[in-house]
Amino acid sequence: MRTVVFDLDGTLADTSEDLLAAANACFTGLGFGAPLGAADALTAFAGGRAMLRLGYERLGVAGDVDGQYPVLLAHYAEGLDRATRLYPGAVAAVTTLRAAGFATAICTNKPEALAVELVRRLGVGDLFGALVGADTLPVRKPDPLPYVQAVLRAGGDPQRSLLVGDTVTDRDTARAAGVPVVLVSFGPEGPGVARLSPDALLERYEDLPALADRLIS
């Protein structure tokens, strides 16, 4: 079965505001205030540790990134859907793909439990046959194994699949798995993701079903 695998943060949903709020809550709890802002959305999609590193650097202090990471996750769990929204057209595109006989799955570097809960709260859990998170397996993206497992768990064939993402991590994951990669141009980097030379750019979700049909034989 042909399969389309989606990244979550920055691809299916704009989660940056809630991620940044969780990181800022860590710094506020340490007495530093909130050093991160909306302009740091791209760093938010690079993960919790990346946000902590940037915050400490901006504050000019040596901080315990690994020690604060579980604190960040706890803050994020409390408000993971306060501002997060699915990108326009995402639900319709996934629905159309499934109606056309594609399997669909999520492969994210967000911890699995948080990803499952977020997808549930966004009301789209039933649209995906599998979800593989950062801690589902011993490795995470850009290692190809989580991607391959997402395809297999959704009932698909890795050789007839593609990855939809928004970052270099997604590009590298697809290249390692030997599958096409489509990068969205409506994320925080915008059209700048073209520098990563994906197989295709996605400007709007309405175009994805036809694109998937063309890229997967």
Foldseek 3Di string as FASTA:
>chain_A
DFEEEEEPDQFFKPQQVLLLVLLQVLCVVVVNGRPDDPLCSVQSQVDQLSSNVVSCVSSVHDDDSVVCSVSSVVSCLVPRVVPMDTDPPSLVLLVVLVVVPYAYFYAYQPPPVSVCVVCVVNPNNVSHQYYHYNPNDPHGFLDQVSVCVRQVSSVHDLLQYEYEEADLRRVSSCVNSVAFYEYEQPGSNHPVCVVSVGPYYHPDSVCPNVVSVVRGD
